[in-house]
N, C-alpha and C. Protein backbone atom coordinates (compact mmCIF):
# COMPACT_ATOMS: atom_id res chain seq x y z
N MET A 1 -19.29 -1.04 4.87
CA MET A 1 -18.13 -1.12 3.69
C MET A 1 -17.78 -1.91 3.89
N GLU A 2 -16.98 -2.76 5.36
CA GLU A 2 -16.26 -3.84 5.30
C GLU A 2 -16.74 -5.37 4.90
N ASP A 3 -17.89 -5.27 4.87
CA ASP A 3 -18.63 -6.23 4.49
C ASP A 3 -17.84 -6.77 3.34
N TYR A 4 -17.68 -5.82 1.77
CA TYR A 4 -17.71 -6.17 0.89
C TYR A 4 -16.32 -6.28 0.78
N MET A 5 -14.96 -6.38 1.99
CA MET A 5 -13.59 -6.52 1.07
C MET A 5 -13.73 -7.40 1.80
N LEU A 6 -12.41 -7.99 0.62
CA LEU A 6 -12.30 -9.69 0.45
C LEU A 6 -11.05 -9.76 1.59
N PRO A 7 -11.48 -11.25 1.67
CA PRO A 7 -10.69 -11.72 3.49
C PRO A 7 -9.13 -12.31 3.03
N CYS A 8 -7.99 -11.62 3.81
CA CYS A 8 -6.67 -12.43 3.32
C CYS A 8 -6.82 -13.52 3.74
N LEU A 9 -6.50 -14.72 2.33
CA LEU A 9 -6.38 -16.11 2.21
C LEU A 9 -5.36 -16.12 3.24
N ASN A 10 -4.10 -15.78 3.47
CA ASN A 10 -3.32 -16.03 4.12
C ASN A 10 -3.55 -16.16 5.91
N LYS A 11 -3.91 -14.72 6.43
CA LYS A 11 -4.60 -14.64 7.32
C LYS A 11 -5.55 -15.28 7.90
N LYS A 12 -5.94 -16.29 7.00
CA LYS A 12 -7.05 -17.35 7.49
C LYS A 12 -6.72 -19.00 7.53
N LEU A 13 -5.68 -18.85 6.39
CA LEU A 13 -4.82 -20.25 6.80
C LEU A 13 -3.65 -20.34 7.54
N PHE A 14 -3.08 -19.27 7.82
CA PHE A 14 -2.57 -19.82 8.53
C PHE A 14 -1.61 -18.64 9.78
N GLY A 15 -3.00 -17.79 9.67
CA GLY A 15 -3.14 -16.48 10.66
C GLY A 15 -2.25 -15.70 11.08
N ILE A 16 -1.08 -15.49 10.06
CA ILE A 16 -0.32 -13.81 9.75
C ILE A 16 -0.51 -13.39 8.90
N GLU A 17 -0.44 -12.19 9.15
CA GLU A 17 -1.22 -11.02 8.11
C GLU A 17 -0.05 -11.11 7.15
N CYS A 18 -0.12 -10.88 6.12
CA CYS A 18 0.60 -10.51 4.38
C CYS A 18 1.04 -9.24 4.57
N LEU A 19 2.11 -9.15 3.64
CA LEU A 19 2.34 -8.29 3.50
C LEU A 19 1.21 -6.69 2.89
N GLY A 20 0.63 -7.18 2.41
CA GLY A 20 -0.90 -6.29 1.76
C GLY A 20 -2.12 -5.60 2.75
N CYS A 21 -1.99 -6.80 3.93
CA CYS A 21 -2.97 -6.70 4.86
C CYS A 21 -3.17 -5.08 5.01
N GLY A 22 -4.39 -4.89 5.07
CA GLY A 22 -4.52 -3.66 5.45
C GLY A 22 -4.57 -2.16 4.38
N ILE A 23 -4.16 -3.27 2.81
CA ILE A 23 -4.72 -1.76 2.36
C ILE A 23 -6.29 -1.90 1.73
N GLN A 24 -6.85 -2.50 1.71
CA GLN A 24 -7.84 -2.47 1.52
C GLN A 24 -8.76 -1.28 2.65
N ARG A 25 -8.38 -1.43 3.80
CA ARG A 25 -9.38 -0.82 4.97
C ARG A 25 -8.96 0.55 4.86
N ALA A 26 -7.10 1.00 4.33
CA ALA A 26 -6.66 2.07 4.14
C ALA A 26 -7.47 2.73 3.33
N ALA A 27 -7.44 2.19 1.97
CA ALA A 27 -8.03 2.86 0.93
C ALA A 27 -9.76 3.73 1.40
N ALA A 28 -10.48 2.50 2.03
CA ALA A 28 -11.78 2.75 2.43
C ALA A 28 -11.40 4.39 3.12
N LEU A 29 -10.33 4.12 3.97
CA LEU A 29 -10.44 5.01 5.32
C LEU A 29 -9.83 6.63 4.14
N LEU A 30 -9.54 6.59 3.41
CA LEU A 30 -9.07 7.47 2.68
C LEU A 30 -9.87 8.30 1.46
N PHE A 31 -10.84 7.23 1.17
CA PHE A 31 -12.03 7.51 0.24
C PHE A 31 -12.99 8.44 1.41
N LYS A 32 -12.94 8.22 2.70
CA LYS A 32 -13.87 8.70 3.53
C LYS A 32 -12.58 10.07 4.11
N GLY A 33 -11.65 10.53 3.93
CA GLY A 33 -11.67 11.51 3.94
C GLY A 33 -10.25 11.65 5.91
N GLU A 34 -10.25 10.28 5.88
CA GLU A 34 -9.89 10.01 7.36
C GLU A 34 -8.01 9.68 6.97
N PHE A 35 -7.67 10.74 6.62
CA PHE A 35 -6.37 10.03 6.09
C PHE A 35 -4.96 9.83 6.64
N VAL A 36 -4.98 10.27 7.82
CA VAL A 36 -4.32 9.55 9.61
C VAL A 36 -4.54 8.43 9.05
N ALA A 37 -5.48 8.27 9.72
CA ALA A 37 -6.22 6.65 9.73
C ALA A 37 -5.49 6.28 8.95
N ALA A 38 -5.60 6.29 7.41
CA ALA A 38 -4.97 5.96 6.50
C ALA A 38 -3.58 5.23 6.71
N PHE A 39 -3.26 6.28 7.39
CA PHE A 39 -1.55 5.77 7.00
C PHE A 39 -0.91 5.54 7.62
N LYS A 40 -1.99 5.07 8.89
CA LYS A 40 -1.27 4.48 10.25
C LYS A 40 -2.12 2.94 9.76
N MET A 41 -3.10 2.98 9.22
CA MET A 41 -3.79 1.08 8.66
C MET A 41 -2.85 0.84 7.51
N TYR A 42 -1.99 1.80 6.88
CA TYR A 42 -1.13 0.75 5.45
C TYR A 42 0.04 2.30 5.38
N PRO A 43 0.99 2.32 5.71
CA PRO A 43 1.65 3.35 5.39
C PRO A 43 1.98 3.95 4.50
N ALA A 44 2.15 2.15 3.31
CA ALA A 44 2.44 2.81 1.82
C ALA A 44 1.59 2.92 1.18
N ILE A 45 0.28 3.07 1.48
CA ILE A 45 -1.06 4.15 0.55
C ILE A 45 -1.06 5.40 -0.05
N TYR A 46 0.07 5.96 0.81
CA TYR A 46 0.16 7.47 -0.09
C TYR A 46 1.20 6.92 -1.44
N THR A 47 2.50 6.40 -0.73
CA THR A 47 3.16 6.33 -1.99
C THR A 47 3.29 5.13 -2.64
N LEU A 48 1.94 4.16 -3.11
CA LEU A 48 0.99 3.18 -3.66
C LEU A 48 0.29 4.15 -4.51
N LEU A 49 -0.17 5.18 -4.09
CA LEU A 49 -1.63 6.33 -4.80
C LEU A 49 -0.37 6.93 -6.01
N LEU A 50 1.20 7.65 -5.42
CA LEU A 50 1.62 8.35 -6.08
C LEU A 50 2.12 7.42 -7.11
N LEU A 51 1.98 6.18 -6.89
CA LEU A 51 3.18 5.43 -8.01
C LEU A 51 2.01 5.03 -9.43
N VAL A 52 0.86 4.72 -8.59
CA VAL A 52 0.01 4.00 -9.52
C VAL A 52 -0.54 5.76 -10.48
N VAL A 53 -0.93 6.93 -9.67
CA VAL A 53 -0.75 8.18 -10.57
C VAL A 53 0.58 8.36 -11.85
N PHE A 54 1.65 8.03 -11.37
CA PHE A 54 2.67 8.18 -12.00
C PHE A 54 2.48 7.46 -13.26
N LEU A 55 2.14 5.68 -13.36
CA LEU A 55 2.16 4.92 -13.97
C LEU A 55 1.19 5.49 -14.76
N LEU A 56 -0.12 5.66 -14.42
CA LEU A 56 -1.16 5.83 -15.90
C LEU A 56 -0.87 7.05 -16.18
N SER A 57 -0.18 8.28 -15.85
CA SER A 57 0.39 9.43 -16.77
C SER A 57 1.43 8.95 -17.62
N THR A 58 2.19 7.96 -17.25
CA THR A 58 2.97 7.53 -18.69
C THR A 58 2.48 7.18 -19.61
N LEU A 59 0.99 6.55 -19.70
CA LEU A 59 -0.04 5.99 -20.52
C LEU A 59 -0.17 7.48 -21.98
N PHE A 60 -0.08 8.81 -21.31
CA PHE A 60 -0.17 9.87 -21.76
C PHE A 60 0.90 11.21 -22.05
N VAL A 61 1.42 10.25 -21.43
CA VAL A 61 2.95 11.94 -21.16
C VAL A 61 4.13 11.06 -20.92
N LYS A 62 5.26 11.88 -21.74
CA LYS A 62 6.35 10.82 -21.65
C LYS A 62 7.10 11.72 -21.34
N PHE A 63 7.94 11.12 -19.65
CA PHE A 63 8.73 11.92 -18.93
C PHE A 63 10.42 11.23 -19.06
N ARG A 64 11.10 12.43 -19.35
CA ARG A 64 12.65 12.45 -19.23
C ARG A 64 12.87 11.84 -17.81
N PHE A 65 13.35 10.69 -17.82
CA PHE A 65 14.25 9.36 -16.20
C PHE A 65 12.72 8.88 -16.36
N GLU A 66 11.81 8.63 -17.20
CA GLU A 66 10.64 7.97 -16.34
C GLU A 66 11.09 6.25 -16.25
N LYS A 67 12.07 5.95 -16.81
CA LYS A 67 12.21 4.44 -16.04
C LYS A 67 12.72 4.62 -14.93
N GLN A 68 14.08 5.74 -14.63
CA GLN A 68 14.71 5.84 -13.08
C GLN A 68 13.14 6.35 -12.42
N ILE A 69 12.55 7.04 -12.52
CA ILE A 69 11.49 7.06 -11.92
C ILE A 69 10.75 6.17 -11.42
N LYS A 70 10.13 5.68 -12.13
CA LYS A 70 9.48 4.32 -11.86
C LYS A 70 10.15 3.28 -11.03
N ILE A 71 11.51 3.19 -11.05
CA ILE A 71 12.29 2.00 -10.65
C ILE A 71 12.05 2.39 -8.89
N PHE A 72 12.68 3.74 -8.83
CA PHE A 72 12.27 4.72 -7.71
C PHE A 72 11.29 4.63 -6.64
N LEU A 73 10.21 4.66 -7.32
CA LEU A 73 8.85 4.47 -6.75
C LEU A 73 8.46 3.48 -6.42
N ILE A 74 8.80 2.30 -7.32
CA ILE A 74 8.89 0.65 -6.86
C ILE A 74 9.85 -0.02 -5.75
N VAL A 75 10.68 0.80 -5.47
CA VAL A 75 12.08 0.55 -4.36
C VAL A 75 11.77 1.00 -3.15
N ILE A 76 10.88 2.14 -3.08
CA ILE A 76 10.66 3.05 -2.27
C ILE A 76 9.17 2.41 -1.88
N ASN A 77 8.27 1.68 -2.44
CA ASN A 77 7.32 1.04 -1.85
C ASN A 77 7.67 0.01 -1.08
N ILE A 78 8.27 -0.93 -1.84
CA ILE A 78 8.82 -2.23 -1.16
C ILE A 78 9.36 -2.31 -0.16
N LEU A 79 10.33 -1.19 0.44
CA LEU A 79 10.81 -0.52 1.39
C LEU A 79 9.89 0.04 2.42
N ILE A 80 8.73 0.44 2.11
CA ILE A 80 7.88 0.58 3.36
C ILE A 80 7.05 -0.13 3.51
N ILE A 81 6.79 -0.81 2.43
CA ILE A 81 5.49 -2.27 2.73
C ILE A 81 6.42 -2.92 3.80
N VAL A 82 7.66 -3.56 3.46
CA VAL A 82 8.35 -4.21 4.48
C VAL A 82 9.23 -4.10 5.75
N VAL A 83 9.35 -3.03 5.66
CA VAL A 83 9.24 -2.33 6.86
C VAL A 83 8.71 -2.03 7.93
N SER A 84 7.04 -1.45 7.47
CA SER A 84 6.33 -1.63 7.91
C SER A 84 5.63 -2.67 8.46
N TYR A 85 4.92 -3.85 7.49
CA TYR A 85 5.73 -5.25 7.88
C TYR A 85 6.35 -5.89 9.49
N VAL A 86 7.57 -5.50 9.60
CA VAL A 86 8.15 -5.74 9.91
C VAL A 86 8.10 -5.26 11.58
N ILE A 87 7.88 -4.36 11.73
CA ILE A 87 7.17 -3.64 12.62
C ILE A 87 5.94 -3.72 13.58
N LYS A 88 5.45 -4.46 12.11
CA LYS A 88 3.84 -4.88 12.41
C LYS A 88 3.71 -5.87 12.73
N MET A 89 4.57 -7.21 12.89
CA MET A 89 4.89 -8.32 13.24
C MET A 89 5.78 -8.06 14.85
N LYS A 90 6.49 -7.26 14.69
CA LYS A 90 7.44 -6.85 16.03
C LYS A 90 6.18 -6.67 16.72
N ALA A 91 5.48 -6.02 16.88
CA ALA A 91 4.32 -5.39 18.08
C ALA A 91 3.28 -6.69 18.29
N HIS A 92 3.29 -7.71 17.46
CA HIS A 92 2.20 -8.76 17.71
C HIS A 92 2.87 -10.07 18.16
N VAL A 93 4.37 -9.93 19.11
CA VAL A 93 4.78 -10.93 19.56
C VAL A 93 5.34 -10.55 20.77
């Protein structure tokens, strides 16, 4: 399956992983049922999945405090992505 994944252009050009590195592999692990491995590969995989499900559900159902929930989920995802990226980069130094 990894033969069909898109390479990280940032990693190819600069040798440094980007904030999204690992999300494709994490999604593949998730589809294989390897939930812990998916989290270890990309910690934001589950909160991103929650955000996508919520955004898709808002197309059909109106929620109370919808805007606030979206903002909260987006902020949580950004925080998880940035913190896990910083931790990953410090581990490579």
